[in-house]
Amino acid sequence: MASNSRRNMSSAWTQQQNKDFERALALYDKDTKDRWQNIARFVEGKSAEDVKRHYEILLADLQQIEAGRVPFPNYKTSSRKLHELQ
């Protein structure tokens, strides 16, 4: 079994790793053979198990957002700027 320090290292994702993960997801869809191994090759320092778990967490987060269980952030935007965005 992996030590806690190793587990913590593999669970922390850098901004670059997340970007690489997203790009790899776009290349390898759910029907791709050895999908998680292929994606892991794009994400330095992550195993196939790491990227699969990261994907599962992403899906769970999306489900929470779509179900309305995640509140909108309270951004400091003026009503004028908000109107301009619409």
C-alpha atoms as a PDB file:
ATOM      1  CA  MET A   1       0.000   0.000   0.000  1.00  0.00           C
ATOM      2  CA  ALA A   2       1.253   3.506  -0.840  1.00  0.00           C
ATOM      3  CA  SER A   3       2.429   5.731   1.949  1.00  0.00           C
ATOM      4  CA  ASN A   4       0.411   8.824   2.842  1.00  0.00           C
ATOM      5  CA  SER A   5       3.114  11.131   1.489  1.00  0.00           C
ATOM      6  CA  ARG A   6       3.098   9.362  -1.866  1.00  0.00           C
ATOM      7  CA  ARG A   7      -0.693   9.401  -1.955  1.00  0.00           C
ATOM      8  CA  ASN A   8      -0.706  13.152  -1.233  1.00  0.00           C
ATOM      9  CA  MET A   9       1.855  13.793  -3.978  1.00  0.00           C
ATOM     10  CA  SER A  10      -0.181  11.912  -6.556  1.00  0.00           C
ATOM     11  CA  SER A  11      -3.415  13.632  -5.539  1.00  0.00           C
ATOM     12  CA  ALA A  12      -2.051  17.197  -5.922  1.00  0.00           C
ATOM     13  CA  TRP A  13      -2.454  18.500  -9.465  1.00  0.00           C
ATOM     14  CA  THR A  14      -0.620  21.488 -10.907  1.00  0.00           C
ATOM     15  CA  GLN A  15      -2.197  23.917 -13.318  1.00  0.00           C
ATOM     16  CA  GLN A  16      -0.071  22.449 -16.125  1.00  0.00           C
ATOM     17  CA  GLN A  17      -1.124  18.885 -15.276  1.00  0.00           C
ATOM     18  CA  ASN A  18      -4.785  19.930 -15.376  1.00  0.00           C
ATOM     19  CA  LYS A  19      -4.262  21.616 -18.746  1.00  0.00           C
ATOM     20  CA  ASP A  20      -2.502  18.524 -20.118  1.00  0.00           C
ATOM     21  CA  PHE A  21      -5.270  16.327 -18.705  1.00  0.00           C
ATOM     22  CA  GLU A  22      -7.962  18.388 -20.437  1.00  0.00           C
ATOM     23  CA  ARG A  23      -6.108  18.272 -23.757  1.00  0.00           C
ATOM     24  CA  ALA A  24      -5.639  14.524 -23.507  1.00  0.00           C
ATOM     25  CA  LEU A  25      -9.338  14.039 -22.712  1.00  0.00           C
ATOM     26  CA  ALA A  26     -10.143  15.822 -25.962  1.00  0.00           C
ATOM     27  CA  LEU A  27      -7.890  13.401 -27.865  1.00  0.00           C
ATOM     28  CA  TYR A  28      -8.957  10.138 -26.238  1.00  0.00           C
ATOM     29  CA  ASP A  29     -12.706   9.628 -25.961  1.00  0.00           C
ATOM     30  CA  LYS A  30     -14.498   6.952 -23.949  1.00  0.00           C
ATOM     31  CA  ASP A  31     -14.194   4.406 -26.771  1.00  0.00           C
ATOM     32  CA  THR A  32     -10.398   4.671 -27.026  1.00  0.00           C
ATOM     33  CA  LYS A  33      -8.553   1.472 -26.177  1.00  0.00           C
ATOM     34  CA  ASP A  34      -6.283   1.956 -23.143  1.00  0.00           C
ATOM     35  CA  ARG A  35      -7.754   5.424 -22.664  1.00  0.00           C
ATOM     36  CA  TRP A  36      -6.357   6.055 -19.176  1.00  0.00           C
ATOM     37  CA  GLN A  37      -2.872   4.845 -20.083  1.00  0.00           C
ATOM     38  CA  ASN A  38      -2.856   7.132 -23.125  1.00  0.00           C
ATOM     39  CA  ILE A  39      -4.035  10.110 -21.084  1.00  0.00           C
ATOM     40  CA  ALA A  40      -1.476   9.396 -18.354  1.00  0.00           C
ATOM     41  CA  ARG A  41       1.306   9.644 -20.952  1.00  0.00           C
ATOM     42  CA  PHE A  42       0.286  13.267 -21.504  1.00  0.00           C
ATOM     43  CA  VAL A  43       0.219  14.168 -17.801  1.00  0.00           C
ATOM     44  CA  GLU A  44       3.691  14.179 -16.281  1.00  0.00           C
ATOM     45  CA  GLY A  45       3.889  12.460 -12.915  1.00  0.00           C
ATOM     46  CA  LYS A  46       0.432  10.855 -13.077  1.00  0.00           C
ATOM     47  CA  SER A  47      -0.478   7.208 -13.505  1.00  0.00           C
ATOM     48  CA  ALA A  48      -3.420   5.757 -15.396  1.00  0.00           C
ATOM     49  CA  GLU A  49      -5.121   5.259 -12.029  1.00  0.00           C
ATOM     50  CA  ASP A  50      -4.483   8.921 -11.108  1.00  0.00           C
ATOM     51  CA  VAL A  51      -6.025  10.295 -14.298  1.00  0.00           C
ATOM     52  CA  LYS A  52      -9.016   7.956 -14.111  1.00  0.00           C
ATOM     53  CA  ARG A  53      -9.718   9.057 -10.526  1.00  0.00           C
ATOM     54  CA  HIS A  54      -9.292  12.718 -11.516  1.00  0.00           C
ATOM     55  CA  TYR A  55     -11.875  12.187 -14.259  1.00  0.00           C
ATOM     56  CA  GLU A  56     -14.306  10.540 -11.833  1.00  0.00           C
ATOM     57  CA  ILE A  57     -13.954  13.515  -9.459  1.00  0.00           C
ATOM     58  CA  LEU A  58     -14.558  15.896 -12.371  1.00  0.00           C
ATOM     59  CA  LEU A  59     -17.753  14.039 -13.313  1.00  0.00           C
ATOM     60  CA  ALA A  60     -18.982  14.113  -9.709  1.00  0.00           C
ATOM     61  CA  ASP A  61     -18.326  17.865  -9.540  1.00  0.00           C
ATOM     62  CA  LEU A  62     -20.240  18.425 -12.775  1.00  0.00           C
ATOM     63  CA  GLN A  63     -23.184  16.421 -11.474  1.00  0.00           C
ATOM     64  CA  GLN A  64     -23.267  18.569  -8.324  1.00  0.00           C
ATOM     65  CA  ILE A  65     -23.174  21.771 -10.393  1.00  0.00           C
ATOM     66  CA  GLU A  66     -25.874  20.599 -12.814  1.00  0.00           C
ATOM     67  CA  ALA A  67     -28.089  19.536  -9.894  1.00  0.00           C
ATOM     68  CA  GLY A  68     -27.870  23.062  -8.495  1.00  0.00           C
ATOM     69  CA  ARG A  69     -26.020  21.965  -5.365  1.00  0.00           C
ATOM     70  CA  VAL A  70     -23.089  24.332  -5.911  1.00  0.00           C
ATOM     71  CA  PRO A  71     -23.863  28.019  -5.303  1.00  0.00           C
ATOM     72  CA  PHE A  72     -22.756  30.650  -7.760  1.00  0.00           C
ATOM     73  CA  PRO A  73     -19.622  32.469  -6.635  1.00  0.00           C
ATOM     74  CA  ASN A  74     -20.089  35.978  -5.283  1.00  0.00           C
ATOM     75  CA  TYR A  75     -17.962  37.875  -7.788  1.00  0.00           C
ATOM     76  CA  LYS A  76     -17.263  41.548  -7.191  1.00  0.00           C
ATOM     77  CA  THR A  77     -18.728  42.824 -10.471  1.00  0.00           C
ATOM     78  CA  SER A  78     -20.667  46.032 -10.886  1.00  0.00           C
ATOM     79  CA  SER A  79     -24.159  45.820 -12.322  1.00  0.00           C
ATOM     80  CA  ARG A  80     -22.930  47.901 -15.291  1.00  0.00           C
ATOM     81  CA  LYS A  81     -20.202  45.385 -16.125  1.00  0.00           C
ATOM     82  CA  LEU A  82     -22.665  42.521 -15.676  1.00  0.00           C
ATOM     83  CA  HIS A  83     -25.069  44.230 -18.100  1.00  0.00           C
ATOM     84  CA  GLU A  84     -22.259  44.674 -20.653  1.00  0.00           C
ATOM     85  CA  LEU A  85     -21.506  40.945 -20.496  1.00  0.00           C
ATOM     86  CA  GLN A  86     -25.083  40.006 -21.373  1.00  0.00           C
END
